[in-house]
């Protein structure tokens, strides 16, 4: 996904602000907005309906894809590699597995 997002940023580099740490905050805020759209679907229709009804489910998945796109932009803004994220994720997973 990072590679795809990098390609998207490269394609629109003349139209969009450059990927850099200063842009990270903006991308985080846009991501929160997309999370809000996911929440709105679930709040308005309920989780069961949102996951079961084809059209609603497609909207839910599309909004979650938007969240992931902004998330990947954030990773690019701060220069976080897939390997760094994986290492941290595994560490957090192992910590959580021992929590209780």
N, C-alpha and C. Protein backbone atom coordinates (compact mmCIF):
# COMPACT_ATOMS: atom_id res chain seq x y z
N UNK A 1 0.81 -1.20 0.00
CA UNK A 1 0.00 0.00 0.00
C UNK A 1 0.86 1.26 0.00
N UNK A 2 1.98 1.21 0.71
CA UNK A 2 2.85 2.39 0.71
C UNK A 2 3.34 2.72 -0.69
N UNK A 3 3.69 1.71 -1.45
CA UNK A 3 4.14 1.92 -2.82
C UNK A 3 3.06 2.54 -3.68
N UNK A 4 1.85 2.05 -3.53
CA UNK A 4 0.72 2.61 -4.28
C UNK A 4 0.49 4.07 -3.91
N UNK A 5 0.57 4.36 -2.61
CA UNK A 5 0.36 5.73 -2.16
C UNK A 5 1.48 6.64 -2.64
N UNK A 6 2.70 6.12 -2.64
CA UNK A 6 3.84 6.88 -3.15
C UNK A 6 3.62 7.22 -4.64
N UNK A 7 3.13 6.24 -5.41
CA UNK A 7 2.86 6.46 -6.83
C UNK A 7 1.77 7.51 -7.02
N UNK A 8 0.74 7.49 -6.19
CA UNK A 8 -0.33 8.48 -6.27
C UNK A 8 0.21 9.87 -5.97
N UNK A 9 1.02 9.97 -4.93
CA UNK A 9 1.61 11.27 -4.58
C UNK A 9 2.51 11.77 -5.71
N UNK A 10 3.27 10.87 -6.31
CA UNK A 10 4.15 11.25 -7.41
C UNK A 10 3.34 11.76 -8.62
N UNK A 11 2.25 11.08 -8.92
CA UNK A 11 1.41 11.47 -10.06
C UNK A 11 0.87 12.89 -9.90
N UNK A 12 0.50 13.25 -8.67
CA UNK A 12 -0.12 14.56 -8.44
C UNK A 12 0.80 15.55 -7.74
N UNK A 13 2.10 15.33 -7.85
CA UNK A 13 3.06 16.19 -7.15
C UNK A 13 2.96 17.66 -7.57
N UNK A 14 2.49 17.91 -8.79
CA UNK A 14 2.34 19.30 -9.25
C UNK A 14 1.05 19.95 -8.76
N UNK A 15 0.13 19.14 -8.26
CA UNK A 15 -1.17 19.66 -7.80
C UNK A 15 -1.31 19.64 -6.28
N UNK A 16 -0.65 18.69 -5.62
CA UNK A 16 -0.77 18.52 -4.18
C UNK A 16 0.48 19.05 -3.48
N UNK A 17 0.32 19.38 -2.21
CA UNK A 17 1.46 19.78 -1.40
C UNK A 17 2.44 18.61 -1.30
N UNK A 18 3.72 18.91 -1.16
CA UNK A 18 4.70 17.81 -1.08
C UNK A 18 4.57 17.01 0.22
N UNK A 19 4.91 15.74 0.12
CA UNK A 19 4.92 14.87 1.29
C UNK A 19 6.14 15.24 2.13
N UNK A 20 5.89 15.66 3.36
CA UNK A 20 6.95 16.04 4.28
C UNK A 20 6.36 16.05 5.69
N UNK A 21 7.21 16.08 6.71
CA UNK A 21 6.69 16.07 8.08
C UNK A 21 5.68 17.17 8.38
N UNK A 22 5.86 18.37 7.79
CA UNK A 22 4.93 19.46 8.04
C UNK A 22 3.53 19.13 7.53
N UNK A 23 3.44 18.32 6.48
CA UNK A 23 2.14 17.94 5.93
C UNK A 23 1.48 16.82 6.74
N UNK A 24 2.25 16.14 7.57
CA UNK A 24 1.73 15.03 8.35
C UNK A 24 0.51 15.38 9.17
N UNK A 25 0.54 16.55 9.81
CA UNK A 25 -0.60 16.98 10.63
C UNK A 25 -1.87 17.10 9.79
N UNK A 26 -1.73 17.71 8.62
CA UNK A 26 -2.89 17.86 7.74
C UNK A 26 -3.45 16.50 7.33
N UNK A 27 -2.57 15.57 7.01
CA UNK A 27 -3.01 14.24 6.59
C UNK A 27 -3.70 13.52 7.75
N UNK A 28 -3.19 13.70 8.96
CA UNK A 28 -3.84 13.11 10.14
C UNK A 28 -5.24 13.67 10.32
N UNK A 29 -5.39 14.97 10.14
CA UNK A 29 -6.71 15.58 10.28
C UNK A 29 -7.67 15.08 9.20
N UNK A 30 -7.19 14.95 7.96
CA UNK A 30 -8.03 14.40 6.89
C UNK A 30 -8.41 12.96 7.21
N UNK A 31 -7.47 12.20 7.78
CA UNK A 31 -7.75 10.81 8.14
C UNK A 31 -8.84 10.75 9.21
N UNK A 32 -8.78 11.63 10.18
CA UNK A 32 -9.80 11.67 11.23
C UNK A 32 -11.16 11.98 10.61
N UNK A 33 -11.18 12.86 9.62
CA UNK A 33 -12.43 13.16 8.92
C UNK A 33 -13.00 11.92 8.25
N UNK A 34 -12.14 11.13 7.63
CA UNK A 34 -12.59 9.90 6.99
C UNK A 34 -13.08 8.88 8.03
N UNK A 35 -12.41 8.83 9.17
CA UNK A 35 -12.86 7.96 10.26
C UNK A 35 -14.26 8.38 10.69
N UNK A 36 -14.49 9.69 10.73
CA UNK A 36 -15.82 10.20 11.06
C UNK A 36 -16.88 9.72 10.08
N UNK A 37 -16.52 9.63 8.79
CA UNK A 37 -17.47 9.13 7.80
C UNK A 37 -17.78 7.65 8.04
N UNK A 38 -16.77 6.88 8.45
CA UNK A 38 -16.99 5.47 8.80
C UNK A 38 -17.94 5.38 9.99
N UNK A 39 -17.67 6.19 11.00
CA UNK A 39 -18.50 6.19 12.20
C UNK A 39 -19.94 6.58 11.87
N UNK A 40 -20.09 7.57 11.00
CA UNK A 40 -21.45 8.00 10.62
C UNK A 40 -22.25 6.86 10.01
N UNK A 41 -21.63 6.07 9.17
CA UNK A 41 -22.33 4.94 8.54
C UNK A 41 -22.79 3.96 9.61
N UNK A 42 -21.89 3.60 10.51
CA UNK A 42 -22.22 2.62 11.55
C UNK A 42 -23.24 3.19 12.52
N UNK A 43 -23.08 4.46 12.88
CA UNK A 43 -24.00 5.09 13.82
C UNK A 43 -25.41 5.19 13.22
N UNK A 44 -25.48 5.58 11.98
CA UNK A 44 -26.77 5.78 11.33
C UNK A 44 -27.49 4.47 11.03
N UNK A 45 -26.74 3.44 10.64
CA UNK A 45 -27.36 2.20 10.17
C UNK A 45 -27.14 1.01 11.10
N UNK A 46 -26.21 1.13 12.04
CA UNK A 46 -25.88 0.00 12.91
C UNK A 46 -24.83 -0.90 12.27
N UNK A 47 -24.06 -1.53 13.11
CA UNK A 47 -22.97 -2.38 12.64
C UNK A 47 -23.44 -3.58 11.84
N UNK A 48 -24.50 -4.21 12.29
CA UNK A 48 -25.01 -5.40 11.59
C UNK A 48 -25.43 -5.06 10.17
N UNK A 49 -26.21 -3.99 10.03
CA UNK A 49 -26.70 -3.59 8.71
C UNK A 49 -25.54 -3.12 7.83
N UNK A 50 -24.62 -2.37 8.41
CA UNK A 50 -23.48 -1.86 7.65
C UNK A 50 -22.58 -2.98 7.13
N UNK A 51 -22.53 -4.07 7.86
CA UNK A 51 -21.68 -5.18 7.41
C UNK A 51 -22.43 -6.18 6.54
N UNK A 52 -23.76 -6.14 6.54
CA UNK A 52 -24.53 -7.16 5.82
C UNK A 52 -25.13 -6.67 4.50
N UNK A 53 -25.61 -5.43 4.46
CA UNK A 53 -26.26 -4.93 3.25
C UNK A 53 -25.20 -4.54 2.22
N UNK A 54 -25.30 -5.10 1.05
CA UNK A 54 -24.26 -4.96 0.02
C UNK A 54 -23.88 -3.52 -0.26
N UNK A 55 -24.84 -2.67 -0.57
CA UNK A 55 -24.54 -1.28 -0.93
C UNK A 55 -23.92 -0.52 0.24
N UNK A 56 -24.47 -0.71 1.42
CA UNK A 56 -23.95 -0.04 2.61
C UNK A 56 -22.56 -0.56 2.96
N UNK A 57 -22.39 -1.85 2.83
CA UNK A 57 -21.07 -2.46 3.08
C UNK A 57 -20.02 -1.90 2.14
N UNK A 58 -20.37 -1.72 0.87
CA UNK A 58 -19.43 -1.15 -0.10
C UNK A 58 -19.04 0.26 0.28
N UNK A 59 -20.00 1.06 0.75
CA UNK A 59 -19.69 2.42 1.21
C UNK A 59 -18.77 2.38 2.42
N UNK A 60 -19.05 1.48 3.35
CA UNK A 60 -18.23 1.33 4.55
C UNK A 60 -16.79 0.98 4.16
N UNK A 61 -16.65 0.01 3.28
CA UNK A 61 -15.32 -0.42 2.85
C UNK A 61 -14.59 0.70 2.12
N UNK A 62 -15.32 1.44 1.28
CA UNK A 62 -14.70 2.55 0.55
C UNK A 62 -14.19 3.62 1.52
N UNK A 63 -14.98 3.92 2.54
CA UNK A 63 -14.53 4.92 3.53
C UNK A 63 -13.33 4.40 4.32
N UNK A 64 -13.32 3.11 4.63
CA UNK A 64 -12.15 2.53 5.31
C UNK A 64 -10.91 2.57 4.42
N UNK A 65 -11.12 2.40 3.11
CA UNK A 65 -10.00 2.53 2.17
C UNK A 65 -9.45 3.96 2.19
N UNK A 66 -10.35 4.95 2.28
CA UNK A 66 -9.90 6.34 2.40
C UNK A 66 -9.06 6.53 3.65
N UNK A 67 -9.50 5.94 4.75
CA UNK A 67 -8.73 6.03 6.00
C UNK A 67 -7.34 5.46 5.78
N UNK A 68 -7.27 4.30 5.15
CA UNK A 68 -5.96 3.67 4.89
C UNK A 68 -5.08 4.52 3.97
N UNK A 69 -5.69 5.17 3.00
CA UNK A 69 -4.91 6.01 2.10
C UNK A 69 -4.26 7.17 2.87
N UNK A 70 -5.05 7.82 3.72
CA UNK A 70 -4.47 8.90 4.52
C UNK A 70 -3.45 8.36 5.52
N UNK A 71 -3.71 7.20 6.08
CA UNK A 71 -2.76 6.58 7.00
C UNK A 71 -1.41 6.36 6.30
N UNK A 72 -1.48 5.85 5.09
CA UNK A 72 -0.25 5.63 4.33
C UNK A 72 0.43 6.95 3.99
N UNK A 73 -0.35 8.00 3.71
CA UNK A 73 0.23 9.32 3.52
C UNK A 73 0.98 9.77 4.77
N UNK A 74 0.40 9.52 5.93
CA UNK A 74 1.05 9.90 7.19
C UNK A 74 2.39 9.18 7.32
N UNK A 75 2.39 7.89 7.02
CA UNK A 75 3.65 7.13 7.08
C UNK A 75 4.68 7.73 6.13
N UNK A 76 4.25 8.11 4.93
CA UNK A 76 5.17 8.72 3.97
C UNK A 76 5.66 10.07 4.47
N UNK A 77 4.77 10.86 5.06
CA UNK A 77 5.16 12.18 5.56
C UNK A 77 6.27 12.09 6.59
N UNK A 78 6.20 11.09 7.43
CA UNK A 78 7.19 10.95 8.49
C UNK A 78 8.30 9.97 8.15
N UNK A 79 8.30 9.47 6.91
CA UNK A 79 9.38 8.59 6.46
C UNK A 79 9.41 7.26 7.19
N UNK A 80 8.26 6.75 7.57
CA UNK A 80 8.17 5.48 8.29
C UNK A 80 8.05 4.35 7.27
N UNK A 81 8.99 3.43 7.33
CA UNK A 81 9.01 2.33 6.36
C UNK A 81 8.09 1.19 6.81
N UNK A 82 7.78 0.34 5.87
CA UNK A 82 6.96 -0.85 6.18
C UNK A 82 7.68 -1.73 7.20
N UNK A 83 9.00 -1.82 7.09
CA UNK A 83 9.77 -2.63 8.03
C UNK A 83 9.71 -2.07 9.45
N UNK A 84 9.83 -0.75 9.57
CA UNK A 84 9.74 -0.11 10.89
C UNK A 84 8.37 -0.33 11.50
N UNK A 85 7.34 -0.17 10.69
CA UNK A 85 5.97 -0.35 11.17
C UNK A 85 5.74 -1.80 11.59
N UNK A 86 6.22 -2.72 10.79
CA UNK A 86 6.07 -4.14 11.11
C UNK A 86 6.75 -4.48 12.43
N UNK A 87 7.95 -4.00 12.61
CA UNK A 87 8.70 -4.27 13.85
C UNK A 87 7.95 -3.73 15.06
N UNK A 88 7.46 -2.51 14.95
CA UNK A 88 6.72 -1.89 16.05
C UNK A 88 5.40 -2.63 16.30
N UNK A 89 4.73 -3.01 15.23
CA UNK A 89 3.45 -3.72 15.35
C UNK A 89 3.65 -5.06 16.05
N UNK A 90 4.67 -5.78 15.67
CA UNK A 90 4.96 -7.07 16.31
C UNK A 90 5.27 -6.87 17.79
N UNK A 91 6.08 -5.86 18.09
CA UNK A 91 6.40 -5.56 19.49
C UNK A 91 5.16 -5.23 20.30
N UNK A 92 4.29 -4.43 19.73
CA UNK A 92 3.04 -4.06 20.41
C UNK A 92 2.14 -5.28 20.58
N UNK A 93 2.05 -6.10 19.55
CA UNK A 93 1.26 -7.33 19.61
C UNK A 93 1.76 -8.23 20.74
N UNK A 94 3.06 -8.45 20.79
CA UNK A 94 3.64 -9.31 21.83
C UNK A 94 3.38 -8.74 23.22
N UNK A 95 3.50 -7.44 23.37
CA UNK A 95 3.22 -6.78 24.64
C UNK A 95 1.76 -6.99 25.04
N UNK A 96 0.85 -6.81 24.08
CA UNK A 96 -0.58 -6.99 24.37
C UNK A 96 -0.94 -8.43 24.68
N UNK A 97 -0.24 -9.37 24.05
CA UNK A 97 -0.51 -10.79 24.30
C UNK A 97 -0.15 -11.18 25.74
N UNK A 98 0.74 -10.43 26.36
CA UNK A 98 1.18 -10.72 27.73
C UNK A 98 0.46 -9.86 28.77
N UNK A 99 -0.39 -8.99 28.31
CA UNK A 99 -1.00 -7.98 29.19
C UNK A 99 -1.83 -8.59 30.32
N UNK A 100 -2.75 -9.48 30.03
CA UNK A 100 -3.61 -10.03 31.08
C UNK A 100 -3.47 -11.51 31.16
